[in-house]
């Protein structure tokens, strides 16, 4: 079973943003992939639609990843925390999908749909309406952590040409975005 850990945020200090991205896409990913249960990671920046500017997607073998001594003793965002806003971290049930199911080609894009602040019933109704328009979307239920959204829709698009702004009429608090990779898929060293 795969779990998908998604961190979304905005960064408020343009003068430090390049350094933050270099740290997060390099040493931070390496640090986290060395911890138990963390398997893959890929980072994204919004290209179209609504949502937070950055999204990081991790795959995990187990929610126990957040209870290990390695995770709780060495989190690593302290230097950057004054500049990170609108931060969310949610854990989703990846169902029986493989970790590779969540990889996005470097030249591709990631289509996301979230329901921040909506009740599970309202989000489920909006998701049901969107599912007919997006049959390729993987709909993952929230499984833990902050629980900002009851579900998330994820769809890997093969190329940047597919990066069109979403045009669907959606529920008021439903956010739909296209994200482009700012890192390759990083995989845990064996």
N, C-alpha and C. Protein backbone atom coordinates (compact mmCIF):
# COMPACT_ATOMS: atom_id res chain seq x y z
N UNK A 1 0.84 -1.18 0.00
CA UNK A 1 0.00 0.00 0.00
C UNK A 1 0.88 1.24 0.00
N UNK A 2 0.47 2.25 -0.72
CA UNK A 2 1.21 3.50 -0.82
C UNK A 2 0.43 4.61 -0.14
N UNK A 3 1.14 5.46 0.58
CA UNK A 3 0.57 6.67 1.14
C UNK A 3 1.23 7.85 0.45
N UNK A 4 0.47 8.91 0.24
CA UNK A 4 0.97 10.10 -0.45
C UNK A 4 0.92 11.27 0.54
N UNK A 5 2.06 11.83 0.82
CA UNK A 5 2.22 12.95 1.75
C UNK A 5 2.42 14.19 0.90
N UNK A 6 1.50 15.15 1.00
CA UNK A 6 1.58 16.35 0.18
C UNK A 6 1.73 17.57 1.07
N UNK A 7 2.76 18.34 0.78
CA UNK A 7 3.02 19.60 1.47
C UNK A 7 2.80 20.72 0.46
N UNK A 8 1.96 21.68 0.83
CA UNK A 8 1.69 22.84 -0.04
C UNK A 8 2.01 24.11 0.75
N UNK A 9 2.56 25.12 0.07
CA UNK A 9 2.88 26.36 0.76
C UNK A 9 3.15 27.49 -0.23
N UNK A 10 3.22 28.68 0.33
CA UNK A 10 3.71 29.86 -0.38
C UNK A 10 4.98 30.31 0.32
N UNK A 11 5.83 31.03 -0.39
CA UNK A 11 7.10 31.52 0.15
C UNK A 11 7.11 33.04 -0.02
N UNK A 12 7.38 33.79 1.05
CA UNK A 12 7.16 35.24 1.04
C UNK A 12 8.40 36.10 0.82
N UNK A 13 9.58 35.53 0.73
CA UNK A 13 10.80 36.33 0.62
C UNK A 13 11.49 36.07 -0.71
N UNK A 14 11.17 36.88 -1.74
CA UNK A 14 11.74 36.65 -3.07
C UNK A 14 13.28 36.59 -3.08
N UNK A 15 13.94 37.38 -2.23
CA UNK A 15 15.41 37.39 -2.22
C UNK A 15 15.99 36.06 -1.74
N UNK A 16 15.23 35.28 -1.01
CA UNK A 16 15.71 34.00 -0.47
C UNK A 16 15.09 32.79 -1.17
N UNK A 17 14.18 33.03 -2.10
CA UNK A 17 13.42 31.93 -2.69
C UNK A 17 14.29 30.96 -3.49
N UNK A 18 15.24 31.47 -4.24
CA UNK A 18 16.11 30.59 -5.02
C UNK A 18 16.94 29.69 -4.10
N UNK A 19 17.46 30.26 -3.02
CA UNK A 19 18.24 29.46 -2.06
C UNK A 19 17.37 28.42 -1.37
N UNK A 20 16.14 28.82 -1.02
CA UNK A 20 15.21 27.88 -0.39
C UNK A 20 14.89 26.71 -1.33
N UNK A 21 14.63 27.01 -2.60
CA UNK A 21 14.35 25.94 -3.57
C UNK A 21 15.55 25.03 -3.76
N UNK A 22 16.75 25.60 -3.79
CA UNK A 22 17.96 24.78 -3.93
C UNK A 22 18.11 23.85 -2.73
N UNK A 23 17.85 24.37 -1.52
CA UNK A 23 17.94 23.55 -0.31
C UNK A 23 16.86 22.46 -0.31
N UNK A 24 15.63 22.85 -0.60
CA UNK A 24 14.52 21.91 -0.52
C UNK A 24 14.65 20.82 -1.59
N UNK A 25 15.04 21.19 -2.80
CA UNK A 25 15.14 20.22 -3.89
C UNK A 25 16.41 19.39 -3.83
N UNK A 26 17.31 19.72 -2.93
CA UNK A 26 18.57 18.99 -2.80
C UNK A 26 18.71 18.36 -1.42
N UNK A 27 19.40 19.06 -0.49
CA UNK A 27 19.65 18.48 0.84
C UNK A 27 18.40 18.04 1.60
N UNK A 28 17.31 18.79 1.51
CA UNK A 28 16.10 18.42 2.25
C UNK A 28 15.52 17.10 1.73
N UNK A 29 15.44 16.95 0.43
CA UNK A 29 14.92 15.69 -0.12
C UNK A 29 15.82 14.53 0.28
N UNK A 30 17.14 14.71 0.17
CA UNK A 30 18.07 13.65 0.56
C UNK A 30 17.88 13.27 2.02
N UNK A 31 17.76 14.28 2.89
CA UNK A 31 17.57 14.04 4.32
C UNK A 31 16.31 13.23 4.58
N UNK A 32 15.20 13.60 3.94
CA UNK A 32 13.93 12.93 4.19
C UNK A 32 13.92 11.50 3.61
N UNK A 33 14.52 11.31 2.45
CA UNK A 33 14.53 9.98 1.85
C UNK A 33 15.43 9.00 2.60
N UNK A 34 16.25 9.51 3.50
CA UNK A 34 17.07 8.65 4.34
C UNK A 34 16.30 8.16 5.57
N UNK A 35 15.14 8.74 5.83
CA UNK A 35 14.33 8.39 7.00
C UNK A 35 13.47 7.15 6.69
N UNK A 36 13.14 6.38 7.71
CA UNK A 36 12.30 5.19 7.48
C UNK A 36 10.97 5.52 6.82
N UNK A 37 10.58 4.67 5.92
CA UNK A 37 9.28 4.68 5.23
C UNK A 37 9.15 5.69 4.09
N UNK A 38 10.03 6.69 3.98
CA UNK A 38 9.96 7.65 2.88
C UNK A 38 10.56 7.00 1.64
N UNK A 39 9.83 7.02 0.51
CA UNK A 39 10.25 6.30 -0.68
C UNK A 39 10.60 7.19 -1.87
N UNK A 40 9.75 8.18 -2.19
CA UNK A 40 10.02 9.06 -3.33
C UNK A 40 9.61 10.48 -2.98
N UNK A 41 10.10 11.41 -3.78
CA UNK A 41 9.72 12.82 -3.62
C UNK A 41 9.84 13.53 -4.97
N UNK A 42 8.92 14.46 -5.20
CA UNK A 42 9.01 15.34 -6.36
C UNK A 42 8.39 16.68 -5.98
N UNK A 43 9.01 17.77 -6.42
CA UNK A 43 8.54 19.13 -6.11
C UNK A 43 7.98 19.79 -7.35
N UNK A 44 7.00 20.72 -7.12
CA UNK A 44 6.28 21.38 -8.20
C UNK A 44 6.04 22.86 -7.87
N UNK A 45 5.89 23.66 -8.94
CA UNK A 45 5.50 25.08 -8.83
C UNK A 45 4.24 25.26 -9.67
N UNK A 46 3.32 26.06 -9.17
CA UNK A 46 2.06 26.27 -9.88
C UNK A 46 2.31 26.97 -11.22
N UNK A 47 1.61 26.52 -12.24
CA UNK A 47 1.71 27.12 -13.58
C UNK A 47 0.40 27.77 -14.00
N UNK A 48 -0.72 27.25 -13.48
CA UNK A 48 -2.03 27.78 -13.85
C UNK A 48 -3.05 27.35 -12.79
N UNK A 49 -4.12 28.11 -12.67
CA UNK A 49 -5.19 27.75 -11.76
C UNK A 49 -5.03 28.39 -10.41
N UNK A 50 -5.70 27.83 -9.40
CA UNK A 50 -5.67 28.40 -8.06
C UNK A 50 -5.10 27.40 -7.08
N UNK A 51 -4.40 27.92 -6.10
CA UNK A 51 -3.77 27.07 -5.10
C UNK A 51 -2.48 27.69 -4.63
N UNK A 52 -1.80 26.98 -3.78
CA UNK A 52 -0.52 27.47 -3.26
C UNK A 52 0.54 27.37 -4.34
N UNK A 53 1.56 28.20 -4.22
CA UNK A 53 2.60 28.28 -5.25
C UNK A 53 3.41 26.99 -5.36
N UNK A 54 3.69 26.35 -4.22
CA UNK A 54 4.55 25.16 -4.22
C UNK A 54 3.78 23.94 -3.71
N UNK A 55 4.11 22.79 -4.28
CA UNK A 55 3.56 21.52 -3.85
C UNK A 55 4.70 20.51 -3.88
N UNK A 56 4.84 19.78 -2.80
CA UNK A 56 5.82 18.68 -2.73
C UNK A 56 5.05 17.40 -2.46
N UNK A 57 5.34 16.38 -3.26
CA UNK A 57 4.64 15.10 -3.14
C UNK A 57 5.65 14.01 -2.79
N UNK A 58 5.41 13.39 -1.63
CA UNK A 58 6.21 12.28 -1.15
C UNK A 58 5.38 11.01 -1.21
N UNK A 59 5.99 9.88 -1.46
CA UNK A 59 5.30 8.61 -1.25
C UNK A 59 5.95 7.92 -0.05
N UNK A 60 5.09 7.26 0.73
CA UNK A 60 5.52 6.60 1.95
C UNK A 60 5.02 5.16 1.96
N UNK A 61 5.72 4.31 2.67
CA UNK A 61 5.26 2.94 2.87
C UNK A 61 4.22 2.86 3.99
N UNK A 62 4.28 3.81 4.95
CA UNK A 62 3.42 3.72 6.12
C UNK A 62 3.28 5.08 6.78
N UNK A 63 2.14 5.35 7.41
CA UNK A 63 2.00 6.58 8.20
C UNK A 63 2.93 6.60 9.41
N UNK A 64 3.49 5.44 9.76
CA UNK A 64 4.45 5.39 10.86
C UNK A 64 5.67 6.26 10.60
N UNK A 65 5.87 6.69 9.37
CA UNK A 65 6.99 7.56 9.03
C UNK A 65 7.06 8.79 9.94
N UNK A 66 5.90 9.29 10.36
CA UNK A 66 5.85 10.52 11.16
C UNK A 66 6.06 10.27 12.65
N UNK A 67 6.14 9.01 13.04
CA UNK A 67 6.33 8.67 14.45
C UNK A 67 7.74 8.17 14.76
N UNK A 68 8.59 8.08 13.76
CA UNK A 68 9.94 7.56 14.01
C UNK A 68 10.80 8.62 14.68
N UNK A 69 11.79 8.17 15.42
CA UNK A 69 12.73 9.10 16.06
C UNK A 69 13.49 9.91 15.01
N UNK A 70 13.78 9.29 13.88
CA UNK A 70 14.50 9.99 12.81
C UNK A 70 13.70 11.17 12.28
N UNK A 71 12.39 11.01 12.16
CA UNK A 71 11.54 12.11 11.66
C UNK A 71 11.33 13.18 12.73
N UNK A 72 10.97 12.79 13.92
CA UNK A 72 10.62 13.77 14.95
C UNK A 72 11.81 14.54 15.49
N UNK A 73 13.01 14.02 15.35
CA UNK A 73 14.19 14.70 15.89
C UNK A 73 14.87 15.63 14.90
N UNK A 74 14.51 15.57 13.62
CA UNK A 74 15.28 16.31 12.61
C UNK A 74 14.35 16.75 11.49
N UNK A 75 13.62 17.81 11.74
CA UNK A 75 12.63 18.25 10.77
C UNK A 75 13.24 19.17 9.72
N UNK A 76 14.04 20.17 10.12
CA UNK A 76 14.87 20.90 9.19
C UNK A 76 14.36 22.17 8.53
N UNK A 77 13.17 22.66 8.84
CA UNK A 77 12.66 23.87 8.19
C UNK A 77 12.93 25.15 8.98
N UNK A 78 13.63 25.05 10.09
CA UNK A 78 13.74 26.17 11.03
C UNK A 78 14.25 27.45 10.39
N UNK A 79 15.28 27.38 9.57
CA UNK A 79 15.84 28.57 8.92
C UNK A 79 14.83 29.24 8.00
N UNK A 80 13.95 28.48 7.40
CA UNK A 80 13.04 28.98 6.39
C UNK A 80 11.64 29.30 6.93
N UNK A 81 11.30 28.85 8.11
CA UNK A 81 9.93 28.96 8.61
C UNK A 81 9.38 30.38 8.65
N UNK A 82 10.17 31.45 8.85
CA UNK A 82 9.57 32.79 8.83
C UNK A 82 9.00 33.19 7.46
N UNK A 83 9.40 32.50 6.41
CA UNK A 83 9.00 32.87 5.05
C UNK A 83 7.97 31.92 4.44
N UNK A 84 7.62 30.87 5.16
CA UNK A 84 6.68 29.88 4.64
C UNK A 84 5.30 30.19 5.21
N UNK A 85 4.33 30.43 4.33
CA UNK A 85 2.96 30.75 4.74
C UNK A 85 1.98 29.85 4.00
N UNK A 86 0.74 29.85 4.47
CA UNK A 86 -0.31 29.03 3.84
C UNK A 86 0.15 27.57 3.73
N UNK A 87 0.81 27.12 4.74
CA UNK A 87 1.43 25.80 4.76
C UNK A 87 0.41 24.75 5.13
N UNK A 88 0.39 23.65 4.41
CA UNK A 88 -0.45 22.52 4.76
C UNK A 88 0.33 21.24 4.52
N UNK A 89 0.02 20.26 5.34
CA UNK A 89 0.62 18.93 5.15
C UNK A 89 -0.47 17.91 5.42
N UNK A 90 -0.76 17.16 4.38
CA UNK A 90 -1.84 16.19 4.45
C UNK A 90 -1.33 14.84 3.96
N UNK A 91 -1.81 13.79 4.59
CA UNK A 91 -1.46 12.43 4.20
C UNK A 91 -2.68 11.81 3.54
N UNK A 92 -2.47 11.20 2.37
CA UNK A 92 -3.56 10.60 1.61
C UNK A 92 -3.32 9.11 1.42
N UNK A 93 -4.41 8.38 1.34
CA UNK A 93 -4.37 6.95 1.08
C UNK A 93 -4.19 6.77 -0.42
N UNK A 94 -3.03 6.26 -0.82
CA UNK A 94 -2.73 6.05 -2.24
C UNK A 94 -3.32 4.79 -2.81
N UNK A 95 -4.12 4.11 -2.00
CA UNK A 95 -4.79 2.87 -2.42
C UNK A 95 -3.75 1.85 -2.87
N UNK A 96 -4.07 0.97 -3.75
CA UNK A 96 -3.07 -0.01 -4.16
C UNK A 96 -2.13 0.51 -5.25
N UNK A 97 -2.20 1.79 -5.58
CA UNK A 97 -1.35 2.34 -6.64
C UNK A 97 0.12 2.21 -6.25
N UNK A 98 0.96 2.00 -7.23
CA UNK A 98 2.40 1.93 -6.97
C UNK A 98 2.96 3.33 -6.79
N UNK A 99 4.11 3.40 -6.18
CA UNK A 99 4.76 4.70 -5.99
C UNK A 99 5.04 5.38 -7.33
N UNK A 100 5.34 4.61 -8.34
CA UNK A 100 5.62 5.17 -9.67
C UNK A 100 4.38 5.80 -10.29
N UNK A 101 3.19 5.43 -9.83
CA UNK A 101 1.96 6.01 -10.36
C UNK A 101 1.88 7.51 -10.12
N UNK A 102 2.67 8.00 -9.15
CA UNK A 102 2.63 9.40 -8.79
C UNK A 102 3.78 10.21 -9.38
N UNK A 103 4.61 9.58 -10.18
CA UNK A 103 5.73 10.27 -10.83
C UNK A 103 5.22 11.11 -11.99
N UNK A 104 5.79 12.29 -12.13
CA UNK A 104 5.44 13.19 -13.23
C UNK A 104 6.71 13.40 -14.06
N UNK A 105 6.64 13.20 -15.38
CA UNK A 105 7.84 13.45 -16.21
C UNK A 105 8.31 14.89 -16.04
N UNK A 106 9.62 15.07 -16.08
CA UNK A 106 10.18 16.42 -15.89
C UNK A 106 9.58 17.42 -16.87
N UNK A 107 9.27 16.99 -18.08
CA UNK A 107 8.67 17.88 -19.08
C UNK A 107 7.14 17.87 -18.99
N UNK A 108 6.58 17.15 -18.02
CA UNK A 108 5.13 17.04 -17.88
C UNK A 108 4.56 18.03 -16.89
N UNK A 109 3.39 17.69 -16.36
CA UNK A 109 2.74 18.55 -15.38
C UNK A 109 1.82 17.72 -14.51
N UNK A 110 1.39 18.30 -13.40
CA UNK A 110 0.53 17.64 -12.44
C UNK A 110 -0.75 18.46 -12.31
N UNK A 111 -1.87 17.85 -12.60
CA UNK A 111 -3.18 18.48 -12.44
C UNK A 111 -3.69 18.08 -11.06
N UNK A 112 -4.08 19.08 -10.24
CA UNK A 112 -4.58 18.80 -8.90
C UNK A 112 -5.95 19.43 -8.70
N UNK A 113 -6.74 18.78 -7.86
CA UNK A 113 -8.02 19.33 -7.41
C UNK A 113 -8.08 19.12 -5.91
N UNK A 114 -8.32 20.21 -5.16
CA UNK A 114 -8.43 20.12 -3.70
C UNK A 114 -9.72 20.79 -3.25
N UNK A 115 -10.10 20.50 -2.01
CA UNK A 115 -11.37 20.98 -1.45
C UNK A 115 -11.13 21.58 -0.07
N UNK A 116 -10.15 22.43 0.07
CA UNK A 116 -9.76 22.97 1.38
C UNK A 116 -10.95 23.62 2.09
N UNK A 117 -11.14 23.22 3.34
CA UNK A 117 -12.17 23.80 4.16
C UNK A 117 -13.58 23.29 3.91
N UNK A 118 -13.75 22.40 2.96
CA UNK A 118 -15.08 21.86 2.68
C UNK A 118 -15.35 20.65 3.58
N UNK A 119 -16.61 20.44 3.90
CA UNK A 119 -16.99 19.23 4.63
C UNK A 119 -16.78 18.03 3.70
N UNK A 120 -16.69 16.86 4.30
CA UNK A 120 -16.52 15.66 3.50
C UNK A 120 -17.69 15.46 2.54
N UNK A 121 -18.91 15.75 2.98
CA UNK A 121 -20.08 15.58 2.12
C UNK A 121 -20.05 16.54 0.94
N UNK A 122 -19.74 17.82 1.21
CA UNK A 122 -19.68 18.82 0.12
C UNK A 122 -18.55 18.49 -0.84
N UNK A 123 -17.41 18.08 -0.30
CA UNK A 123 -16.27 17.73 -1.16
C UNK A 123 -16.60 16.50 -1.99
N UNK A 124 -17.28 15.55 -1.40
CA UNK A 124 -17.64 14.33 -2.13
C UNK A 124 -18.59 14.65 -3.29
N UNK A 125 -19.53 15.56 -3.06
CA UNK A 125 -20.45 15.96 -4.13
C UNK A 125 -19.69 16.67 -5.25
N UNK A 126 -18.79 17.57 -4.89
CA UNK A 126 -17.99 18.29 -5.89
C UNK A 126 -17.07 17.33 -6.63
N UNK A 127 -16.50 16.39 -5.90
CA UNK A 127 -15.61 15.39 -6.52
C UNK A 127 -16.39 14.53 -7.50
N UNK A 128 -17.59 14.14 -7.14
CA UNK A 128 -18.41 13.31 -8.02
C UNK A 128 -18.71 14.05 -9.32
N UNK A 129 -19.00 15.35 -9.23
CA UNK A 129 -19.26 16.14 -10.44
C UNK A 129 -18.00 16.25 -11.28
N UNK A 130 -16.85 16.48 -10.64
CA UNK A 130 -15.59 16.62 -11.36
C UNK A 130 -15.12 15.31 -11.96
N UNK A 131 -15.44 14.19 -11.31
CA UNK A 131 -14.97 12.88 -11.78
C UNK A 131 -15.47 12.58 -13.19
N UNK A 132 -16.66 13.03 -13.53
CA UNK A 132 -17.17 12.81 -14.87
C UNK A 132 -16.40 13.57 -15.92
N UNK A 133 -15.89 14.75 -15.54
CA UNK A 133 -15.11 15.57 -16.47
C UNK A 133 -13.65 15.13 -16.54
N UNK A 134 -13.17 14.49 -15.50
CA UNK A 134 -11.75 14.10 -15.40
C UNK A 134 -11.65 12.60 -15.11
N UNK A 135 -11.95 11.75 -16.07
CA UNK A 135 -11.96 10.31 -15.79
C UNK A 135 -10.58 9.74 -15.46
N UNK A 136 -9.50 10.42 -15.82
CA UNK A 136 -8.15 9.92 -15.55
C UNK A 136 -7.63 10.32 -14.18
N UNK A 137 -8.38 11.16 -13.46
CA UNK A 137 -7.95 11.67 -12.16
C UNK A 137 -7.94 10.55 -11.12
N UNK A 138 -6.88 10.48 -10.31
CA UNK A 138 -6.84 9.58 -9.16
C UNK A 138 -7.39 10.36 -7.97
N UNK A 139 -8.43 9.87 -7.35
CA UNK A 139 -9.04 10.54 -6.20
C UNK A 139 -8.59 9.83 -4.92
N UNK A 140 -7.85 10.54 -4.08
CA UNK A 140 -7.29 9.95 -2.88
C UNK A 140 -7.94 10.55 -1.64
N UNK A 141 -8.45 9.74 -0.74
CA UNK A 141 -9.02 10.27 0.50
C UNK A 141 -7.93 10.63 1.50
N UNK A 142 -8.19 11.65 2.30
CA UNK A 142 -7.23 12.04 3.32
C UNK A 142 -7.15 10.93 4.36
N UNK A 143 -5.94 10.69 4.87
CA UNK A 143 -5.72 9.61 5.83
C UNK A 143 -5.09 10.12 7.12
N UNK A 144 -4.67 11.41 7.15
CA UNK A 144 -4.05 11.90 8.37
C UNK A 144 -3.42 13.26 8.23
N UNK A 145 -2.72 13.65 9.30
CA UNK A 145 -2.05 14.93 9.49
C UNK A 145 -3.06 16.07 9.54
N UNK A 146 -2.84 17.17 8.83
CA UNK A 146 -3.66 18.38 9.02
C UNK A 146 -5.08 18.27 8.47
N UNK A 147 -5.30 17.43 7.50
CA UNK A 147 -6.63 17.20 6.91
C UNK A 147 -7.26 18.49 6.37
N UNK A 148 -6.52 19.24 5.57
CA UNK A 148 -7.04 20.47 4.96
C UNK A 148 -8.12 20.19 3.94
N UNK A 149 -8.03 19.05 3.28
CA UNK A 149 -8.98 18.69 2.23
C UNK A 149 -9.39 17.23 2.42
N UNK A 150 -10.69 16.92 2.32
CA UNK A 150 -11.11 15.53 2.50
C UNK A 150 -10.62 14.58 1.41
N UNK A 151 -10.35 15.12 0.22
CA UNK A 151 -9.87 14.35 -0.93
C UNK A 151 -8.88 15.22 -1.68
N UNK A 152 -8.06 14.57 -2.48
CA UNK A 152 -7.27 15.29 -3.47
C UNK A 152 -7.37 14.51 -4.78
N UNK A 153 -7.47 15.25 -5.86
CA UNK A 153 -7.43 14.65 -7.19
C UNK A 153 -6.06 14.90 -7.78
N UNK A 154 -5.43 13.87 -8.31
CA UNK A 154 -4.11 13.97 -8.93
C UNK A 154 -4.14 13.31 -10.30
N UNK A 155 -3.53 13.99 -11.26
CA UNK A 155 -3.43 13.41 -12.60
C UNK A 155 -2.12 13.89 -13.21
N UNK A 156 -1.28 12.95 -13.57
CA UNK A 156 -0.02 13.27 -14.24
C UNK A 156 -0.29 13.49 -15.72
N UNK A 157 0.21 14.61 -16.23
CA UNK A 157 0.06 14.92 -17.65
C UNK A 157 1.41 14.72 -18.32
N UNK A 158 1.45 14.18 -19.51
CA UNK A 158 2.72 13.77 -20.12
C UNK A 158 3.63 14.90 -20.57
N UNK A 159 3.09 16.08 -20.80
CA UNK A 159 3.94 17.15 -21.29
C UNK A 159 3.40 18.51 -20.86
N UNK A 160 4.24 19.53 -21.04
CA UNK A 160 3.86 20.89 -20.66
C UNK A 160 2.78 21.44 -21.58
N UNK A 161 2.63 20.89 -22.77
CA UNK A 161 1.57 21.34 -23.68
C UNK A 161 0.21 21.13 -23.02
N UNK A 162 0.12 20.11 -22.18
CA UNK A 162 -1.13 19.84 -21.47
C UNK A 162 -1.41 20.86 -20.37
N UNK A 163 -0.46 21.77 -20.13
CA UNK A 163 -0.61 22.76 -19.06
C UNK A 163 -1.55 23.88 -19.49
N UNK A 164 -2.81 23.60 -19.44
CA UNK A 164 -3.79 24.62 -19.75
C UNK A 164 -4.47 25.00 -18.44
N UNK A 165 -4.87 26.25 -18.32
CA UNK A 165 -5.59 26.61 -17.10
C UNK A 165 -6.90 25.83 -17.03
N UNK A 166 -7.26 25.33 -15.87
CA UNK A 166 -8.53 24.65 -15.74
C UNK A 166 -9.68 25.60 -16.09
N UNK A 167 -10.67 25.10 -16.78
CA UNK A 167 -11.76 25.96 -17.23
C UNK A 167 -13.12 25.49 -16.72
N UNK A 168 -13.12 24.52 -15.84
CA UNK A 168 -14.38 23.98 -15.37
C UNK A 168 -15.04 24.90 -14.35
N UNK A 169 -16.35 24.95 -14.37
CA UNK A 169 -17.09 25.64 -13.32
C UNK A 169 -17.09 24.71 -12.11
N UNK A 170 -16.56 25.18 -11.00
CA UNK A 170 -16.38 24.32 -9.84
C UNK A 170 -17.05 24.90 -8.60
N UNK A 171 -17.11 24.10 -7.56
CA UNK A 171 -17.62 24.54 -6.27
C UNK A 171 -16.75 25.68 -5.74
N UNK A 172 -17.36 26.52 -4.93
CA UNK A 172 -16.71 27.75 -4.48
C UNK A 172 -15.34 27.54 -3.85
N UNK A 173 -15.17 26.59 -2.95
CA UNK A 173 -13.88 26.40 -2.28
C UNK A 173 -13.02 25.32 -2.92
N UNK A 174 -13.40 24.86 -4.06
CA UNK A 174 -12.63 23.86 -4.78
C UNK A 174 -11.50 24.57 -5.52
N UNK A 175 -10.29 24.08 -5.36
CA UNK A 175 -9.14 24.67 -6.05
C UNK A 175 -8.62 23.67 -7.07
N UNK A 176 -8.41 24.17 -8.27
CA UNK A 176 -7.89 23.34 -9.35
C UNK A 176 -6.66 24.02 -9.92
N UNK A 177 -5.59 23.26 -10.08
CA UNK A 177 -4.34 23.86 -10.53
C UNK A 177 -3.56 22.89 -11.40
N UNK A 178 -2.68 23.47 -12.18
CA UNK A 178 -1.68 22.73 -12.95
C UNK A 178 -0.32 23.12 -12.37
N UNK A 179 0.45 22.12 -11.98
CA UNK A 179 1.79 22.34 -11.42
C UNK A 179 2.83 21.74 -12.37
N UNK A 180 3.95 22.44 -12.50
CA UNK A 180 5.06 21.91 -13.29
C UNK A 180 6.18 21.47 -12.36
N UNK A 181 6.86 20.37 -12.69
CA UNK A 181 7.95 19.89 -11.84
C UNK A 181 9.10 20.90 -11.76
N UNK A 182 9.63 21.05 -10.55
CA UNK A 182 10.86 21.82 -10.38
C UNK A 182 11.97 20.90 -9.87
N UNK A 183 11.65 19.62 -9.77
CA UNK A 183 12.68 18.61 -9.48
C UNK A 183 12.29 17.33 -10.22
N UNK A 184 13.28 16.51 -10.43
CA UNK A 184 13.00 15.18 -10.95
C UNK A 184 12.39 14.35 -9.82
N UNK A 185 11.86 13.21 -10.14
CA UNK A 185 11.42 12.28 -9.11
C UNK A 185 12.66 11.74 -8.44
N UNK A 186 12.75 11.92 -7.13
CA UNK A 186 13.87 11.41 -6.35
C UNK A 186 13.41 10.15 -5.62
N UNK A 187 14.26 9.13 -5.62
CA UNK A 187 13.91 7.85 -5.06
C UNK A 187 14.89 7.49 -3.95
N UNK A 188 14.37 6.86 -2.91
CA UNK A 188 15.19 6.43 -1.78
C UNK A 188 16.32 5.53 -2.27
N UNK A 189 17.51 5.78 -1.79
CA UNK A 189 18.65 4.89 -2.09
C UNK A 189 18.47 3.60 -1.31
N UNK A 190 18.76 2.51 -1.95
CA UNK A 190 18.60 1.20 -1.28
C UNK A 190 19.76 0.89 -0.40
